[in-house]
Structure formats: C-alpha cells, structure tokens
C-alpha cells in the first residue's frame, strides 16, 4: 500500500525495501520533530508546507521538492490541505545527497515521483531499477533553490526562536523585538548577523516572503496577506513580492510556481 491517511501507521524505517513511496492528502498536520534512517524526498504538488530543522526553517512551495538526508531531525507543518508525495531511500544503495536541498520539479521528475510514490511497499527490486536510476539522473540535474532560513541560537533569543513556528507568529519590527527580549537593537542586529549571516531586517524580510508564499497558497486575498504581514499598503506588498520572486502575488496564485 502506498496511499495513506490519518489512520495509517507508517514508519519507512521498518520496511525492508530500498525505495518506499507514499501519497496522501492531508489538512492541518504537524509531524513533530523526528528523523529517519532512510533519506527522504518530500514533494507537494498542491498546497504548501513549512519545515523546521534543528537550526533553521524552510518553506516548500508547489513545484519544489526537498531532500532530507538520513538522521536529519525535522518537523513538517501543514496548515491547509496539502497533496504530498514522499519517497524514502536506503542511502547505502543510492547516490543520496548529504545536505538538505530544495530542487525544481520539472514534468519528467514529477511523473517519476508520482509513479514511485504509488509503488507497493513489497514491489520487486528488479521492477524499480530503471525508474529509480532515471529519477536520480533527473535529481542531480535539477535546479537548486535556497528556501532555508537559519535561526539564531543565542539564549537571549530563545523565546523568539520558540515562537517562530507558531501559526500566529508574525516577525516583529526590530524595535518591538528589542522591547520584548530586553536587548538593544544594536545587540539584536549583531546577534543575527553573527548567528544567521544576515541582519535582523534582512532575516525578517526573508521570513515575510516565506509567510507570504504560505498564505497565498491558502488562497488568501492579497490585501489580507499584506495586512497580516504588516505592509504599509497592498502596493508595497505587491512590489516586495515581485522584487523577491519576479512575479506578482496574483500571478503566483494563478500558476503556483516560483522561478
């Protein structure tokens, strides 16, 4: 069986097959922090999900897939209906990447993922070899993207870090964060630069982009997203989104693609 629902008990590491695929449509879901012995490819052709790693967060929009190496602690959060495909690999048998990476899913790769996700868990290995080899060939050639946002680890920002993955979290302006944690704006800027490689202002802008993608995937109105993310106007949000992605929010909602 490869199609699962909320009542299915599933653990890829208990299955002996070198390739294990699953397909599911889920609504609100939080996997909790966990890891696998197998490497995992996660793809959502419909909807959007947020991934939390030990020291970063990542967004997985439609048309993109993420590779999660073996023994990488992660947490998948879905706030709307998501159609997802997940394929687990025994990395002693395949050329698995050792780093977390997001890739573009073209038509061929999508077809391969859809096929592999529906394989029976006891399918004969000889019947999977050609498809699996073509999958890895396409994977290695796929365009890579940076949809990963590092998190600060300093204890003064521990409450901020814990809040980031909450549904209601909205990244505050620098002065508000300063008042909340009792550290100066200069100190916060220094901490973020040291621990994430970017200033807090740049971090906040990247977070707003991630959140905008998530909210637009929920088919929220552009004006609602602009207000939620504290933009001064709809036009300011539209200009921001277009600068970051090369397209307007309405264009993204229509095609569900990010270049």
C-alpha atoms as a PDB file:
ATOM      1  CA  UNK A   1       0.000   0.000   0.000  1.00  0.00           C
ATOM      2  CA  UNK A   2       1.311   3.477  -0.856  1.00  0.00           C
ATOM      3  CA  UNK A   3      -1.733   5.738  -0.338  1.00  0.00           C
ATOM      4  CA  UNK A   4      -2.112   6.629   3.328  1.00  0.00           C
ATOM      5  CA  UNK A   5      -4.480   8.663   5.515  1.00  0.00           C
ATOM      6  CA  UNK A   6      -4.540   9.976   9.084  1.00  0.00           C
ATOM      7  CA  UNK A   7      -5.277   6.498  10.439  1.00  0.00           C
ATOM      8  CA  UNK A   8      -2.365   4.762   8.694  1.00  0.00           C
ATOM      9  CA  UNK A   9       0.508   3.656  10.908  1.00  0.00           C
ATOM     10  CA  UNK A  10       3.630   4.281   8.862  1.00  0.00           C
ATOM     11  CA  UNK A  11       7.360   4.107   9.529  1.00  0.00           C
ATOM     12  CA  UNK A  12       9.595   3.868   6.472  1.00  0.00           C
ATOM     13  CA  UNK A  13      12.487   2.509   8.530  1.00  0.00           C
ATOM     14  CA  UNK A  14      10.526  -0.650   9.391  1.00  0.00           C
ATOM     15  CA  UNK A  15      10.166  -1.558   5.705  1.00  0.00           C
ATOM     16  CA  UNK A  16      12.940  -3.542   4.034  1.00  0.00           C
ATOM     17  CA  UNK A  17      12.521  -2.125   0.520  1.00  0.00           C
ATOM     18  CA  UNK A  18      15.320   0.155  -0.698  1.00  0.00           C
ATOM     19  CA  UNK A  19      12.710   2.562  -2.099  1.00  0.00           C
ATOM     20  CA  UNK A  20       9.485   3.285  -0.202  1.00  0.00           C
ATOM     21  CA  UNK A  21       6.875   5.721  -1.525  1.00  0.00           C
ATOM     22  CA  UNK A  22       3.729   7.219  -0.025  1.00  0.00           C
ATOM     23  CA  UNK A  23       0.996   9.538  -1.289  1.00  0.00           C
ATOM     24  CA  UNK A  24      -1.541  11.417   0.822  1.00  0.00           C
ATOM     25  CA  UNK A  25      -3.883  14.389   1.001  1.00  0.00           C
ATOM     26  CA  UNK A  26      -3.798  15.962   4.448  1.00  0.00           C
ATOM     27  CA  UNK A  27      -5.224  19.070   6.083  1.00  0.00           C
ATOM     28  CA  UNK A  28      -3.823  20.599   9.248  1.00  0.00           C
ATOM     29  CA  UNK A  29      -0.927  18.422  10.343  1.00  0.00           C
ATOM     30  CA  UNK A  30       2.206  18.636  12.468  1.00  0.00           C
ATOM     31  CA  UNK A  31       4.593  15.692  12.251  1.00  0.00           C
ATOM     32  CA  UNK A  32       6.581  16.701  15.321  1.00  0.00           C
ATOM     33  CA  UNK A  33      10.369  16.668  15.351  1.00  0.00           C
ATOM     34  CA  UNK A  34      11.711  13.312  14.157  1.00  0.00           C
ATOM     35  CA  UNK A  35      14.297  11.688  11.901  1.00  0.00           C
ATOM     36  CA  UNK A  36      14.669   8.641   9.628  1.00  0.00           C
ATOM     37  CA  UNK A  37      17.410   6.159   8.888  1.00  0.00           C
ATOM     38  CA  UNK A  38      16.422   6.485   5.251  1.00  0.00           C
ATOM     39  CA  UNK A  39      16.843   9.635   3.178  1.00  0.00           C
ATOM     40  CA  UNK A  40      13.579  11.345   2.225  1.00  0.00           C
ATOM     41  CA  UNK A  41      12.371  13.289  -0.795  1.00  0.00           C
ATOM     42  CA  UNK A  42       9.295  15.368   0.049  1.00  0.00           C
ATOM     43  CA  UNK A  43       7.168  16.949  -2.682  1.00  0.00           C
ATOM     44  CA  UNK A  44       3.842  18.796  -2.505  1.00  0.00           C
ATOM     45  CA  UNK A  45       2.220  19.316  -5.933  1.00  0.00           C
ATOM     46  CA  UNK A  46      -0.666  21.063  -4.175  1.00  0.00           C
ATOM     47  CA  UNK A  47      -0.541  23.271  -1.113  1.00  0.00           C
ATOM     48  CA  UNK A  48       2.439  24.460   0.871  1.00  0.00           C
ATOM     49  CA  UNK A  49       4.254  23.202   3.937  1.00  0.00           C
ATOM     50  CA  UNK A  50       6.777  24.574   6.388  1.00  0.00           C
ATOM     51  CA  UNK A  51       9.727  22.523   7.562  1.00  0.00           C
ATOM     52  CA  UNK A  52      11.625  23.076  10.783  1.00  0.00           C
ATOM     53  CA  UNK A  53      15.150  21.737  11.179  1.00  0.00           C
ATOM     54  CA  UNK A  54      17.261  21.942  14.311  1.00  0.00           C
ATOM     55  CA  UNK A  55      18.718  25.342  13.385  1.00  0.00           C
ATOM     56  CA  UNK A  56      16.583  26.646  10.528  1.00  0.00           C
ATOM     57  CA  UNK A  57      13.157  26.763   8.927  1.00  0.00           C
ATOM     58  CA  UNK A  58      12.282  26.104   5.308  1.00  0.00           C
ATOM     59  CA  UNK A  59       9.286  26.617   3.027  1.00  0.00           C
ATOM     60  CA  UNK A  60       8.214  24.041   0.458  1.00  0.00           C
ATOM     61  CA  UNK A  61       6.007  25.644  -2.206  1.00  0.00           C
ATOM     62  CA  UNK A  62       4.392  23.798  -5.133  1.00  0.00           C
ATOM     63  CA  UNK A  63       6.739  22.763  -8.000  1.00  0.00           C
ATOM     64  CA  UNK A  64       9.597  22.294  -5.498  1.00  0.00           C
ATOM     65  CA  UNK A  65      10.824  19.205  -3.656  1.00  0.00           C
ATOM     66  CA  UNK A  66      13.111  18.969  -0.664  1.00  0.00           C
ATOM     67  CA  UNK A  67      15.726  16.338   0.078  1.00  0.00           C
ATOM     68  CA  UNK A  68      16.137  15.441   3.762  1.00  0.00           C
ATOM     69  CA  UNK A  69      19.302  13.387   4.427  1.00  0.00           C
ATOM     70  CA  UNK A  70      19.233  10.371   6.765  1.00  0.00           C
ATOM     71  CA  UNK A  71      19.286  11.153  10.505  1.00  0.00           C
ATOM     72  CA  UNK A  72      18.296  14.797   9.925  1.00  0.00           C
ATOM     73  CA  UNK A  73      15.850  15.932  12.588  1.00  0.00           C
ATOM     74  CA  UNK A  74      12.936  17.780  11.005  1.00  0.00           C
ATOM     75  CA  UNK A  75       9.305  18.703  11.515  1.00  0.00           C
ATOM     76  CA  UNK A  76       6.725  19.163   8.754  1.00  0.00           C
ATOM     77  CA  UNK A  77       3.831  21.540   9.388  1.00  0.00           C
ATOM     78  CA  UNK A  78       0.816  21.830   7.090  1.00  0.00           C
ATOM     79  CA  UNK A  79      -1.887  24.398   7.784  1.00  0.00           C
ATOM     80  CA  UNK A  80      -4.098  23.785   4.757  1.00  0.00           C
ATOM     81  CA  UNK A  81      -4.956  20.848   2.531  1.00  0.00           C
ATOM     82  CA  UNK A  82      -1.723  19.538   1.061  1.00  0.00           C
ATOM     83  CA  UNK A  83      -1.321  16.807  -1.520  1.00  0.00           C
ATOM     84  CA  UNK A  84       2.095  15.382  -0.898  1.00  0.00           C
ATOM     85  CA  UNK A  85       4.374  12.653  -2.142  1.00  0.00           C
ATOM     86  CA  UNK A  86       7.229  11.248  -0.113  1.00  0.00           C
ATOM     87  CA  UNK A  87       9.882   8.782  -1.220  1.00  0.00           C
ATOM     88  CA  UNK A  88      12.358   7.188   1.166  1.00  0.00           C
ATOM     89  CA  UNK A  89      15.682   5.739   0.009  1.00  0.00           C
ATOM     90  CA  UNK A  90      18.165   3.353   1.539  1.00  0.00           C
ATOM     91  CA  UNK A  91      21.184   5.594   1.053  1.00  0.00           C
ATOM     92  CA  UNK A  92      23.658   2.737   1.167  1.00  0.00           C
ATOM     93  CA  UNK A  93      22.245   1.729  -2.223  1.00  0.00           C
ATOM     94  CA  UNK A  94      21.854   5.120  -3.955  1.00  0.00           C
ATOM     95  CA  UNK A  95      23.870   8.351  -4.520  1.00  0.00           C
ATOM     96  CA  UNK A  96      21.982  10.292  -1.858  1.00  0.00           C
ATOM     97  CA  UNK A  97      22.960  13.929  -1.164  1.00  0.00           C
ATOM     98  CA  UNK A  98      24.375  14.538   2.296  1.00  0.00           C
ATOM     99  CA  UNK A  99      22.950  18.057   2.602  1.00  0.00           C
ATOM    100  CA  UNK A 100      19.408  19.413   2.912  1.00  0.00           C
ATOM    101  CA  UNK A 101      18.479  20.805  -0.519  1.00  0.00           C
ATOM    102  CA  UNK A 102      15.438  22.194  -2.362  1.00  0.00           C
ATOM    103  CA  UNK A 103      15.074  21.455  -6.080  1.00  0.00           C
ATOM    104  CA  UNK A 104      12.846  22.364  -9.015  1.00  0.00           C
ATOM    105  CA  UNK A 105      10.465  19.589 -10.093  1.00  0.00           C
ATOM    106  CA  UNK A 106      10.061  19.522 -13.871  1.00  0.00           C
ATOM    107  CA  UNK A 107       7.423  17.483 -15.703  1.00  0.00           C
ATOM    108  CA  UNK A 108       9.581  14.373 -16.002  1.00  0.00           C
ATOM    109  CA  UNK A 109      10.680  14.431 -12.378  1.00  0.00           C
ATOM    110  CA  UNK A 110       7.066  14.956 -11.294  1.00  0.00           C
ATOM    111  CA  UNK A 111       5.963  11.936 -13.332  1.00  0.00           C
ATOM    112  CA  UNK A 112       8.718   9.827 -11.783  1.00  0.00           C
ATOM    113  CA  UNK A 113       7.846  10.946  -8.242  1.00  0.00           C
ATOM    114  CA  UNK A 114       4.137  10.250  -8.814  1.00  0.00           C
ATOM    115  CA  UNK A 115       4.938   6.774 -10.106  1.00  0.00           C
ATOM    116  CA  UNK A 116       7.384   5.876  -7.336  1.00  0.00           C
ATOM    117  CA  UNK A 117       5.123   7.225  -4.592  1.00  0.00           C
ATOM    118  CA  UNK A 118       2.466   4.696  -5.607  1.00  0.00           C
ATOM    119  CA  UNK A 119       4.703   1.628  -5.730  1.00  0.00           C
ATOM    120  CA  UNK A 120       3.610  -1.228  -3.493  1.00  0.00           C
ATOM    121  CA  UNK A 121       5.900  -1.466  -0.496  1.00  0.00           C
ATOM    122  CA  UNK A 122       6.768  -5.050  -1.393  1.00  0.00           C
ATOM    123  CA  UNK A 123       7.399  -4.417  -5.094  1.00  0.00           C
ATOM    124  CA  UNK A 124      10.230  -6.486  -6.573  1.00  0.00           C
ATOM    125  CA  UNK A 125      13.500  -4.531  -6.742  1.00  0.00           C
ATOM    126  CA  UNK A 126      14.077  -5.575 -10.357  1.00  0.00           C
ATOM    127  CA  UNK A 127      10.910  -3.681 -11.335  1.00  0.00           C
ATOM    128  CA  UNK A 128      12.157  -0.422  -9.840  1.00  0.00           C
ATOM    129  CA  UNK A 129      15.733  -0.203 -11.083  1.00  0.00           C
ATOM    130  CA  UNK A 130      15.219   1.657 -14.373  1.00  0.00           C
ATOM    131  CA  UNK A 131      12.802   4.216 -12.937  1.00  0.00           C
ATOM    132  CA  UNK A 132      14.967   4.807  -9.870  1.00  0.00           C
ATOM    133  CA  UNK A 133      18.081   5.314 -11.997  1.00  0.00           C
ATOM    134  CA  UNK A 134      16.252   7.869 -14.154  1.00  0.00           C
ATOM    135  CA  UNK A 135      14.972   9.614 -11.022  1.00  0.00           C
ATOM    136  CA  UNK A 136      18.495  10.119  -9.684  1.00  0.00           C
ATOM    137  CA  UNK A 137      19.703  11.311 -13.067  1.00  0.00           C
ATOM    138  CA  UNK A 138      16.976  13.963 -13.130  1.00  0.00           C
ATOM    139  CA  UNK A 139      17.521  14.840  -9.471  1.00  0.00           C
ATOM    140  CA  UNK A 140      21.220  15.530  -9.998  1.00  0.00           C
ATOM    141  CA  UNK A 141      20.442  17.846 -12.927  1.00  0.00           C
ATOM    142  CA  UNK A 142      17.584  19.717 -11.212  1.00  0.00           C
ATOM    143  CA  UNK A 143      17.935  23.416 -10.449  1.00  0.00           C
ATOM    144  CA  UNK A 144      18.528  24.089  -6.757  1.00  0.00           C
ATOM    145  CA  UNK A 145      16.929  26.834  -4.659  1.00  0.00           C
ATOM    146  CA  UNK A 146      17.616  28.420  -1.297  1.00  0.00           C
ATOM    147  CA  UNK A 147      14.407  28.320   0.719  1.00  0.00           C
ATOM    148  CA  UNK A 148      16.136  27.811   4.054  1.00  0.00           C
ATOM    149  CA  UNK A 149      16.181  30.453   6.773  1.00  0.00           C
ATOM    150  CA  UNK A 150      18.679  29.997   9.662  1.00  0.00           C
ATOM    151  CA  UNK A 151      17.583  30.557  13.246  1.00  0.00           C
ATOM    152  CA  UNK A 152      19.629  32.268  15.969  1.00  0.00           C
ATOM    153  CA  UNK A 153      20.711  30.105  18.908  1.00  0.00           C
ATOM    154  CA  UNK A 154      21.690  32.740  21.479  1.00  0.00           C
ATOM    155  CA  UNK A 155      19.794  32.233  24.758  1.00  0.00           C
ATOM    156  CA  UNK A 156      18.553  35.833  24.700  1.00  0.00           C
ATOM    157  CA  UNK A 157      16.568  34.931  21.597  1.00  0.00           C
ATOM    158  CA  UNK A 158      15.292  31.553  22.847  1.00  0.00           C
ATOM    159  CA  UNK A 159      11.690  32.766  23.281  1.00  0.00           C
ATOM    160  CA  UNK A 160      11.781  34.316  19.819  1.00  0.00           C
ATOM    161  CA  UNK A 161      13.094  31.063  18.345  1.00  0.00           C
ATOM    162  CA  UNK A 162      10.348  29.013  20.021  1.00  0.00           C
ATOM    163  CA  UNK A 163       7.675  31.369  18.679  1.00  0.00           C
ATOM    164  CA  UNK A 164       8.768  31.251  15.037  1.00  0.00           C
ATOM    165  CA  UNK A 165       6.906  28.024  14.175  1.00  0.00           C
ATOM    166  CA  UNK A 166       3.630  29.008  15.832  1.00  0.00           C
ATOM    167  CA  UNK A 167       0.703  29.686  13.472  1.00  0.00           C
ATOM    168  CA  UNK A 168       0.088  33.112  14.954  1.00  0.00           C
ATOM    169  CA  UNK A 169       3.745  34.240  14.829  1.00  0.00           C
ATOM    170  CA  UNK A 170       4.391  37.482  12.957  1.00  0.00           C
ATOM    171  CA  UNK A 171       8.008  38.631  12.831  1.00  0.00           C
ATOM    172  CA  UNK A 172       8.003  41.976  14.671  1.00  0.00           C
ATOM    173  CA  UNK A 173       9.863  45.087  13.702  1.00  0.00           C
ATOM    174  CA  UNK A 174      13.309  45.459  15.231  1.00  0.00           C
ATOM    175  CA  UNK A 175      12.267  47.987  17.887  1.00  0.00           C
ATOM    176  CA  UNK A 176       9.405  45.727  19.018  1.00  0.00           C
ATOM    177  CA  UNK A 177      11.706  42.717  19.285  1.00  0.00           C
ATOM    178  CA  UNK A 178      14.148  44.835  21.264  1.00  0.00           C
ATOM    179  CA  UNK A 179      11.452  45.733  23.791  1.00  0.00           C
ATOM    180  CA  UNK A 180      10.216  42.136  24.005  1.00  0.00           C
ATOM    181  CA  UNK A 181      13.542  40.482  24.813  1.00  0.00           C
ATOM    182  CA  UNK A 182      15.164  43.385  26.663  1.00  0.00           C
ATOM    183  CA  UNK A 183      18.164  43.797  24.375  1.00  0.00           C
ATOM    184  CA  UNK A 184      19.143  46.810  22.310  1.00  0.00           C
ATOM    185  CA  UNK A 185      18.506  46.952  18.582  1.00  0.00           C
ATOM    186  CA  UNK A 186      22.262  47.078  18.067  1.00  0.00           C
ATOM    187  CA  UNK A 187      22.736  43.878  20.085  1.00  0.00           C
ATOM    188  CA  UNK A 188      19.966  42.051  18.208  1.00  0.00           C
ATOM    189  CA  UNK A 189      21.425  43.097  14.875  1.00  0.00           C
ATOM    190  CA  UNK A 190      24.854  41.855  15.949  1.00  0.00           C
ATOM    191  CA  UNK A 191      23.466  38.518  17.185  1.00  0.00           C
ATOM    192  CA  UNK A 192      21.537  37.867  13.984  1.00  0.00           C
ATOM    193  CA  UNK A 193      24.494  38.811  11.818  1.00  0.00           C
ATOM    194  CA  UNK A 194      26.790  36.502  13.777  1.00  0.00           C
ATOM    195  CA  UNK A 195      24.426  33.520  14.003  1.00  0.00           C
ATOM    196  CA  UNK A 196      22.419  33.675  10.776  1.00  0.00           C
ATOM    197  CA  UNK A 197      24.724  35.596   8.438  1.00  0.00           C
ATOM    198  CA  UNK A 198      22.166  38.356   7.917  1.00  0.00           C
ATOM    199  CA  UNK A 199      20.861  41.371   9.783  1.00  0.00           C
ATOM    200  CA  UNK A 200      17.522  41.074  11.577  1.00  0.00           C
ATOM    201  CA  UNK A 201      15.933  43.328   8.967  1.00  0.00           C
ATOM    202  CA  UNK A 202      17.083  41.020   6.162  1.00  0.00           C
ATOM    203  CA  UNK A 203      16.003  37.961   8.169  1.00  0.00           C
ATOM    204  CA  UNK A 204      12.566  39.476   8.721  1.00  0.00           C
ATOM    205  CA  UNK A 205      12.166  40.225   5.024  1.00  0.00           C
ATOM    206  CA  UNK A 206      13.013  36.630   4.131  1.00  0.00           C
ATOM    207  CA  UNK A 207      10.572  35.370   6.744  1.00  0.00           C
ATOM    208  CA  UNK A 208       7.853  37.637   5.321  1.00  0.00           C
ATOM    209  CA  UNK A 209       8.455  36.119   1.901  1.00  0.00           C
ATOM    210  CA  UNK A 210       8.117  32.589   3.291  1.00  0.00           C
ATOM    211  CA  UNK A 211       4.917  33.516   5.115  1.00  0.00           C
ATOM    212  CA  UNK A 212       3.517  35.301   2.050  1.00  0.00           C
ATOM    213  CA  UNK A 213       4.023  32.151  -0.046  1.00  0.00           C
ATOM    214  CA  UNK A 214       2.275  30.062   2.603  1.00  0.00           C
ATOM    215  CA  UNK A 215      -0.700  32.428   2.896  1.00  0.00           C
ATOM    216  CA  UNK A 216      -1.088  32.827  -0.866  1.00  0.00           C
ATOM    217  CA  UNK A 217      -1.127  29.030  -1.207  1.00  0.00           C
ATOM    218  CA  UNK A 218      -4.128  29.129   1.132  1.00  0.00           C
ATOM    219  CA  UNK A 219      -5.815  31.393  -1.464  1.00  0.00           C
ATOM    220  CA  UNK A 220      -5.929  34.338   0.916  1.00  0.00           C
ATOM    221  CA  UNK A 221      -6.688  37.719  -0.622  1.00  0.00           C
ATOM    222  CA  UNK A 222      -3.650  39.837  -1.480  1.00  0.00           C
ATOM    223  CA  UNK A 223      -4.928  42.639   0.752  1.00  0.00           C
ATOM    224  CA  UNK A 224      -5.337  40.178   3.631  1.00  0.00           C
ATOM    225  CA  UNK A 225      -1.765  38.910   3.235  1.00  0.00           C
ATOM    226  CA  UNK A 226      -0.424  42.468   3.032  1.00  0.00           C
ATOM    227  CA  UNK A 227      -2.244  43.397   6.244  1.00  0.00           C
ATOM    228  CA  UNK A 228      -1.223  40.199   8.053  1.00  0.00           C
ATOM    229  CA  UNK A 229       2.460  40.791   7.265  1.00  0.00           C
ATOM    230  CA  UNK A 230       2.249  44.451   8.306  1.00  0.00           C
ATOM    231  CA  UNK A 231       2.974  46.069   4.959  1.00  0.00           C
ATOM    232  CA  UNK A 232       2.041  49.733   4.757  1.00  0.00           C
ATOM    233  CA  UNK A 233      -0.206  49.102   1.731  1.00  0.00           C
ATOM    234  CA  UNK A 234      -1.222  46.468  -0.802  1.00  0.00           C
ATOM    235  CA  UNK A 235       1.022  48.086  -3.389  1.00  0.00           C
ATOM    236  CA  UNK A 236       4.006  47.918  -1.022  1.00  0.00           C
ATOM    237  CA  UNK A 237       3.433  44.179  -0.562  1.00  0.00           C
ATOM    238  CA  UNK A 238       2.997  43.593  -4.295  1.00  0.00           C
ATOM    239  CA  UNK A 239       6.239  45.465  -5.030  1.00  0.00           C
ATOM    240  CA  UNK A 240       8.059  43.463  -2.334  1.00  0.00           C
ATOM    241  CA  UNK A 241       6.794  40.105  -3.620  1.00  0.00           C
ATOM    242  CA  UNK A 242       7.622  40.944  -7.220  1.00  0.00           C
ATOM    243  CA  UNK A 243      11.138  42.082  -6.283  1.00  0.00           C
ATOM    244  CA  UNK A 244      11.767  38.846  -4.395  1.00  0.00           C
ATOM    245  CA  UNK A 245      10.195  36.387  -6.857  1.00  0.00           C
ATOM    246  CA  UNK A 246       9.958  38.165 -10.219  1.00  0.00           C
ATOM    247  CA  UNK A 247       6.173  37.908 -10.300  1.00  0.00           C
ATOM    248  CA  UNK A 248       3.138  39.460  -8.671  1.00  0.00           C
ATOM    249  CA  UNK A 249       1.185  37.691  -5.914  1.00  0.00           C
ATOM    250  CA  UNK A 250      -1.752  37.201  -8.294  1.00  0.00           C
ATOM    251  CA  UNK A 251       0.498  35.599 -10.887  1.00  0.00           C
ATOM    252  CA  UNK A 252       1.898  33.252  -8.254  1.00  0.00           C
ATOM    253  CA  UNK A 253      -1.595  32.305  -7.078  1.00  0.00           C
ATOM    254  CA  UNK A 254      -2.651  31.580 -10.652  1.00  0.00           C
ATOM    255  CA  UNK A 255       0.318  29.398 -11.614  1.00  0.00           C
ATOM    256  CA  UNK A 256       1.589  28.230  -8.184  1.00  0.00           C
ATOM    257  CA  UNK A 257       5.164  28.404  -9.409  1.00  0.00           C
ATOM    258  CA  UNK A 258       8.279  30.192  -8.182  1.00  0.00           C
ATOM    259  CA  UNK A 259      11.080  30.836 -10.663  1.00  0.00           C
END
